[in-house]
């Protein structure tokens, strides 16, 4: 993180995508995004970093209204009881040309340690004078670890929804003015 200007950076949701992918019916993958999120990246003068984010569970969008309603309901995210998913970094360390961000991911009130593999895309000043930084990150979780256990058996064997969920992030942060 030593390449980033020290200060407080805010997630730029207009230039970010928070996505996930899960196997469906054992034969294909379904992709979805969360459209509403907040996040802060704080970079210290010594290059240390802290990351905190929250995502509105109700902003889940798989481009299928029936599926979205089911995922938002009690079988999965239960957005009425658990309106947010959150992540708080506990460790940021270099890993070759990239780095790893480990922290506490909370879904449906269950908190588990998760490590994201992160690629730093760079830092630049845009034509409007805002200092921006971009990152790509990925991790895989077991949805069962977070209490997401609903499933349906398939006639040919197997289950409708896979356990492994891939989380893929393409995120931009903007340095707060005056930093």
C-alpha atoms as a PDB file:
ATOM      1  CA  UNK A   1       0.000   0.000   0.000  1.00  0.00           C
ATOM      2  CA  UNK A   2       3.075   2.237   0.056  1.00  0.00           C
ATOM      3  CA  UNK A   3       2.240   3.250  -3.543  1.00  0.00           C
ATOM      4  CA  UNK A   4      -0.995   4.918  -2.442  1.00  0.00           C
ATOM      5  CA  UNK A   5      -1.240   8.460  -1.185  1.00  0.00           C
ATOM      6  CA  UNK A   6      -1.861   8.356   2.574  1.00  0.00           C
ATOM      7  CA  UNK A   7      -5.333   9.424   3.637  1.00  0.00           C
ATOM      8  CA  UNK A   8      -8.941   8.337   3.630  1.00  0.00           C
ATOM      9  CA  UNK A   9     -10.320   6.894   0.411  1.00  0.00           C
ATOM     10  CA  UNK A  10     -14.052   6.372  -0.219  1.00  0.00           C
ATOM     11  CA  UNK A  11     -15.507   3.604  -2.387  1.00  0.00           C
ATOM     12  CA  UNK A  12     -16.722   4.987  -5.721  1.00  0.00           C
ATOM     13  CA  UNK A  13     -19.776   2.823  -6.382  1.00  0.00           C
ATOM     14  CA  UNK A  14     -20.354   4.414  -9.795  1.00  0.00           C
ATOM     15  CA  UNK A  15     -17.056   2.901 -10.961  1.00  0.00           C
ATOM     16  CA  UNK A  16     -17.119  -0.341  -8.972  1.00  0.00           C
ATOM     17  CA  UNK A  17     -18.710  -3.758  -9.248  1.00  0.00           C
ATOM     18  CA  UNK A  18     -19.269  -6.145  -6.360  1.00  0.00           C
ATOM     19  CA  UNK A  19     -20.012  -9.498  -7.900  1.00  0.00           C
ATOM     20  CA  UNK A  20     -20.494 -13.126  -7.017  1.00  0.00           C
ATOM     21  CA  UNK A  21     -20.828 -16.378  -8.922  1.00  0.00           C
ATOM     22  CA  UNK A  22     -22.318 -19.713  -7.844  1.00  0.00           C
ATOM     23  CA  UNK A  23     -22.847 -22.994  -9.689  1.00  0.00           C
ATOM     24  CA  UNK A  24     -26.476 -23.646 -10.670  1.00  0.00           C
ATOM     25  CA  UNK A  25     -27.956 -27.114 -11.246  1.00  0.00           C
ATOM     26  CA  UNK A  26     -24.432 -28.503 -11.358  1.00  0.00           C
ATOM     27  CA  UNK A  27     -24.007 -27.452 -14.984  1.00  0.00           C
ATOM     28  CA  UNK A  28     -23.773 -23.661 -15.249  1.00  0.00           C
ATOM     29  CA  UNK A  29     -22.897 -20.607 -13.209  1.00  0.00           C
ATOM     30  CA  UNK A  30     -25.130 -17.733 -12.169  1.00  0.00           C
ATOM     31  CA  UNK A  31     -23.587 -14.302 -11.720  1.00  0.00           C
ATOM     32  CA  UNK A  32     -24.998 -11.478  -9.645  1.00  0.00           C
ATOM     33  CA  UNK A  33     -23.963  -8.081  -8.356  1.00  0.00           C
ATOM     34  CA  UNK A  34     -24.748  -5.892  -5.381  1.00  0.00           C
ATOM     35  CA  UNK A  35     -25.541  -2.351  -6.502  1.00  0.00           C
ATOM     36  CA  UNK A  36     -25.371  -0.478  -3.195  1.00  0.00           C
ATOM     37  CA  UNK A  37     -22.288  -0.341  -0.996  1.00  0.00           C
ATOM     38  CA  UNK A  38     -20.144   1.926   1.147  1.00  0.00           C
ATOM     39  CA  UNK A  39     -16.491   1.509   1.870  1.00  0.00           C
ATOM     40  CA  UNK A  40     -13.472   3.232   3.302  1.00  0.00           C
ATOM     41  CA  UNK A  41      -9.801   2.556   2.706  1.00  0.00           C
ATOM     42  CA  UNK A  42      -7.512   4.347   5.141  1.00  0.00           C
ATOM     43  CA  UNK A  43      -3.817   4.450   4.243  1.00  0.00           C
ATOM     44  CA  UNK A  44      -1.281   5.477   6.871  1.00  0.00           C
ATOM     45  CA  UNK A  45       1.920   7.443   6.322  1.00  0.00           C
ATOM     46  CA  UNK A  46       3.816   4.196   7.010  1.00  0.00           C
ATOM     47  CA  UNK A  47       1.939   2.346   4.234  1.00  0.00           C
ATOM     48  CA  UNK A  48      -0.396   0.450   6.557  1.00  0.00           C
ATOM     49  CA  UNK A  49      -3.991   0.132   5.435  1.00  0.00           C
ATOM     50  CA  UNK A  50      -7.421  -0.440   6.935  1.00  0.00           C
ATOM     51  CA  UNK A  51     -10.492  -1.411   4.908  1.00  0.00           C
ATOM     52  CA  UNK A  52     -14.141  -1.413   5.978  1.00  0.00           C
ATOM     53  CA  UNK A  53     -17.076  -2.009   3.661  1.00  0.00           C
ATOM     54  CA  UNK A  54     -20.782  -2.672   3.858  1.00  0.00           C
ATOM     55  CA  UNK A  55     -23.133  -3.872   1.138  1.00  0.00           C
ATOM     56  CA  UNK A  56     -26.930  -3.539   1.125  1.00  0.00           C
ATOM     57  CA  UNK A  57     -28.220  -7.113   0.866  1.00  0.00           C
ATOM     58  CA  UNK A  58     -31.424  -5.925  -0.822  1.00  0.00           C
ATOM     59  CA  UNK A  59     -29.365  -4.598  -3.759  1.00  0.00           C
ATOM     60  CA  UNK A  60     -28.684  -8.195  -4.933  1.00  0.00           C
ATOM     61  CA  UNK A  61     -29.282  -8.357  -8.704  1.00  0.00           C
ATOM     62  CA  UNK A  62     -28.952 -11.473 -10.871  1.00  0.00           C
ATOM     63  CA  UNK A  63     -31.043 -10.089 -13.744  1.00  0.00           C
ATOM     64  CA  UNK A  64     -33.908 -12.445 -12.796  1.00  0.00           C
ATOM     65  CA  UNK A  65     -36.647 -10.935 -10.610  1.00  0.00           C
ATOM     66  CA  UNK A  66     -37.943 -14.264  -9.255  1.00  0.00           C
ATOM     67  CA  UNK A  67     -34.460 -15.483  -8.308  1.00  0.00           C
ATOM     68  CA  UNK A  68     -33.588 -12.082  -6.802  1.00  0.00           C
ATOM     69  CA  UNK A  69     -36.703 -12.179  -4.612  1.00  0.00           C
ATOM     70  CA  UNK A  70     -35.829 -15.720  -3.448  1.00  0.00           C
ATOM     71  CA  UNK A  71     -32.208 -14.807  -2.645  1.00  0.00           C
ATOM     72  CA  UNK A  72     -33.336 -11.714  -0.709  1.00  0.00           C
ATOM     73  CA  UNK A  73     -35.853 -13.813   1.283  1.00  0.00           C
ATOM     74  CA  UNK A  74     -35.289 -15.883   4.441  1.00  0.00           C
ATOM     75  CA  UNK A  75     -33.972 -18.950   2.538  1.00  0.00           C
ATOM     76  CA  UNK A  76     -30.819 -17.017   1.668  1.00  0.00           C
ATOM     77  CA  UNK A  77     -29.865 -13.433   2.619  1.00  0.00           C
ATOM     78  CA  UNK A  78     -32.955 -12.641   4.736  1.00  0.00           C
ATOM     79  CA  UNK A  79     -32.590  -8.923   4.027  1.00  0.00           C
ATOM     80  CA  UNK A  80     -35.338  -7.975   6.484  1.00  0.00           C
ATOM     81  CA  UNK A  81     -33.343  -9.403   9.399  1.00  0.00           C
ATOM     82  CA  UNK A  82     -29.825  -8.873   8.000  1.00  0.00           C
ATOM     83  CA  UNK A  83     -29.882  -5.749   5.817  1.00  0.00           C
ATOM     84  CA  UNK A  84     -26.102  -5.583   5.310  1.00  0.00           C
ATOM     85  CA  UNK A  85     -23.136  -7.759   4.463  1.00  0.00           C
ATOM     86  CA  UNK A  86     -19.859  -6.354   5.775  1.00  0.00           C
ATOM     87  CA  UNK A  87     -16.106  -6.806   5.572  1.00  0.00           C
ATOM     88  CA  UNK A  88     -13.428  -5.430   7.876  1.00  0.00           C
ATOM     89  CA  UNK A  89      -9.785  -6.060   7.041  1.00  0.00           C
ATOM     90  CA  UNK A  90      -7.590  -7.397   9.819  1.00  0.00           C
ATOM     91  CA  UNK A  91      -4.374  -7.892   7.809  1.00  0.00           C
ATOM     92  CA  UNK A  92      -2.945  -6.520   4.572  1.00  0.00           C
ATOM     93  CA  UNK A  93       0.286  -8.061   3.318  1.00  0.00           C
ATOM     94  CA  UNK A  94       2.275  -8.241   0.083  1.00  0.00           C
ATOM     95  CA  UNK A  95       2.062 -11.480  -1.914  1.00  0.00           C
ATOM     96  CA  UNK A  96       4.465 -11.151  -4.844  1.00  0.00           C
ATOM     97  CA  UNK A  97       3.303  -8.424  -7.221  1.00  0.00           C
ATOM     98  CA  UNK A  98      -0.123  -8.474  -5.613  1.00  0.00           C
ATOM     99  CA  UNK A  99      -1.229  -8.568  -1.992  1.00  0.00           C
ATOM    100  CA  UNK A 100      -3.612 -10.369   0.320  1.00  0.00           C
ATOM    101  CA  UNK A 101      -6.285  -8.702   2.379  1.00  0.00           C
ATOM    102  CA  UNK A 102      -7.612 -10.891   5.176  1.00  0.00           C
ATOM    103  CA  UNK A 103     -10.512  -9.950   7.352  1.00  0.00           C
ATOM    104  CA  UNK A 104     -13.900 -10.612   8.823  1.00  0.00           C
ATOM    105  CA  UNK A 105     -16.733 -11.140   6.356  1.00  0.00           C
ATOM    106  CA  UNK A 106     -20.224 -11.064   7.868  1.00  0.00           C
ATOM    107  CA  UNK A 107     -23.251 -12.475   6.053  1.00  0.00           C
ATOM    108  CA  UNK A 108     -26.566 -13.226   7.809  1.00  0.00           C
ATOM    109  CA  UNK A 109     -24.982 -12.436  11.165  1.00  0.00           C
ATOM    110  CA  UNK A 110     -22.255 -15.077  10.684  1.00  0.00           C
ATOM    111  CA  UNK A 111     -18.679 -13.795  10.677  1.00  0.00           C
ATOM    112  CA  UNK A 112     -15.830 -15.773   9.124  1.00  0.00           C
ATOM    113  CA  UNK A 113     -12.208 -15.040   8.199  1.00  0.00           C
ATOM    114  CA  UNK A 114     -11.776 -14.591   4.442  1.00  0.00           C
ATOM    115  CA  UNK A 115      -8.680 -13.733   2.419  1.00  0.00           C
ATOM    116  CA  UNK A 116      -8.946 -11.782  -0.817  1.00  0.00           C
ATOM    117  CA  UNK A 117      -6.234 -11.943  -3.470  1.00  0.00           C
ATOM    118  CA  UNK A 118      -5.874  -8.321  -4.581  1.00  0.00           C
ATOM    119  CA  UNK A 119      -4.311  -6.675  -7.619  1.00  0.00           C
ATOM    120  CA  UNK A 120      -3.566  -2.957  -7.414  1.00  0.00           C
ATOM    121  CA  UNK A 121      -4.572  -1.292 -10.676  1.00  0.00           C
ATOM    122  CA  UNK A 122      -2.827   1.983  -9.937  1.00  0.00           C
ATOM    123  CA  UNK A 123      -3.447   5.513  -8.777  1.00  0.00           C
ATOM    124  CA  UNK A 124      -4.228   8.505 -11.025  1.00  0.00           C
ATOM    125  CA  UNK A 125      -5.714  11.972 -10.988  1.00  0.00           C
ATOM    126  CA  UNK A 126      -8.777  12.189 -13.233  1.00  0.00           C
ATOM    127  CA  UNK A 127      -9.605  15.194 -15.495  1.00  0.00           C
ATOM    128  CA  UNK A 128     -11.742  16.656 -12.697  1.00  0.00           C
ATOM    129  CA  UNK A 129      -8.905  16.690 -10.143  1.00  0.00           C
ATOM    130  CA  UNK A 130     -10.005  13.668  -8.101  1.00  0.00           C
ATOM    131  CA  UNK A 131      -7.307  11.204  -7.057  1.00  0.00           C
ATOM    132  CA  UNK A 132      -8.470   7.664  -7.789  1.00  0.00           C
ATOM    133  CA  UNK A 133      -7.142   4.167  -7.117  1.00  0.00           C
ATOM    134  CA  UNK A 134      -8.370   0.879  -8.575  1.00  0.00           C
ATOM    135  CA  UNK A 135      -8.266  -2.700  -7.352  1.00  0.00           C
ATOM    136  CA  UNK A 136      -9.359  -6.152  -8.508  1.00  0.00           C
ATOM    137  CA  UNK A 137      -9.974  -8.705  -5.770  1.00  0.00           C
ATOM    138  CA  UNK A 138     -11.279 -12.237  -5.479  1.00  0.00           C
ATOM    139  CA  UNK A 139     -12.050 -14.818  -2.827  1.00  0.00           C
ATOM    140  CA  UNK A 140     -14.089 -18.002  -2.533  1.00  0.00           C
ATOM    141  CA  UNK A 141     -16.334 -18.904   0.375  1.00  0.00           C
ATOM    142  CA  UNK A 142     -18.590 -21.760   1.398  1.00  0.00           C
ATOM    143  CA  UNK A 143     -22.103 -20.361   1.594  1.00  0.00           C
ATOM    144  CA  UNK A 144     -22.918 -22.977   4.258  1.00  0.00           C
ATOM    145  CA  UNK A 145     -20.353 -21.316   6.557  1.00  0.00           C
ATOM    146  CA  UNK A 146     -22.663 -18.301   6.597  1.00  0.00           C
ATOM    147  CA  UNK A 147     -25.903 -20.183   7.236  1.00  0.00           C
ATOM    148  CA  UNK A 148     -26.955 -20.171   3.581  1.00  0.00           C
ATOM    149  CA  UNK A 149     -28.015 -23.804   3.506  1.00  0.00           C
ATOM    150  CA  UNK A 150     -31.216 -23.833   1.431  1.00  0.00           C
ATOM    151  CA  UNK A 151     -31.063 -26.194  -1.532  1.00  0.00           C
ATOM    152  CA  UNK A 152     -33.135 -28.509  -3.709  1.00  0.00           C
ATOM    153  CA  UNK A 153     -32.197 -31.985  -4.905  1.00  0.00           C
ATOM    154  CA  UNK A 154     -31.985 -32.609  -8.626  1.00  0.00           C
ATOM    155  CA  UNK A 155     -33.675 -35.580 -10.250  1.00  0.00           C
ATOM    156  CA  UNK A 156     -30.388 -36.655 -11.874  1.00  0.00           C
ATOM    157  CA  UNK A 157     -28.509 -36.253  -8.579  1.00  0.00           C
ATOM    158  CA  UNK A 158     -26.731 -33.314  -7.035  1.00  0.00           C
ATOM    159  CA  UNK A 159     -28.261 -30.071  -5.861  1.00  0.00           C
ATOM    160  CA  UNK A 160     -29.630 -26.910  -7.425  1.00  0.00           C
ATOM    161  CA  UNK A 161     -27.233 -24.411  -5.791  1.00  0.00           C
ATOM    162  CA  UNK A 162     -23.512 -25.068  -5.346  1.00  0.00           C
ATOM    163  CA  UNK A 163     -21.798 -24.425  -2.024  1.00  0.00           C
ATOM    164  CA  UNK A 164     -18.781 -22.512  -3.355  1.00  0.00           C
ATOM    165  CA  UNK A 165     -19.395 -18.827  -3.985  1.00  0.00           C
ATOM    166  CA  UNK A 166     -16.776 -16.842  -5.872  1.00  0.00           C
ATOM    167  CA  UNK A 167     -16.607 -13.185  -4.875  1.00  0.00           C
ATOM    168  CA  UNK A 168     -15.124 -10.874  -7.492  1.00  0.00           C
ATOM    169  CA  UNK A 169     -14.550  -7.181  -6.957  1.00  0.00           C
ATOM    170  CA  UNK A 170     -13.597  -4.452  -9.405  1.00  0.00           C
ATOM    171  CA  UNK A 171     -13.457  -1.395  -7.197  1.00  0.00           C
ATOM    172  CA  UNK A 172     -12.381   2.212  -7.389  1.00  0.00           C
ATOM    173  CA  UNK A 173     -11.682   4.489  -4.452  1.00  0.00           C
ATOM    174  CA  UNK A 174     -11.459   8.289  -4.415  1.00  0.00           C
ATOM    175  CA  UNK A 175      -9.174  10.180  -2.020  1.00  0.00           C
ATOM    176  CA  UNK A 176     -11.200  12.549   0.116  1.00  0.00           C
ATOM    177  CA  UNK A 177     -10.629  16.223  -0.700  1.00  0.00           C
ATOM    178  CA  UNK A 178      -8.159  17.955   1.563  1.00  0.00           C
ATOM    179  CA  UNK A 179      -6.225  14.726   2.131  1.00  0.00           C
END
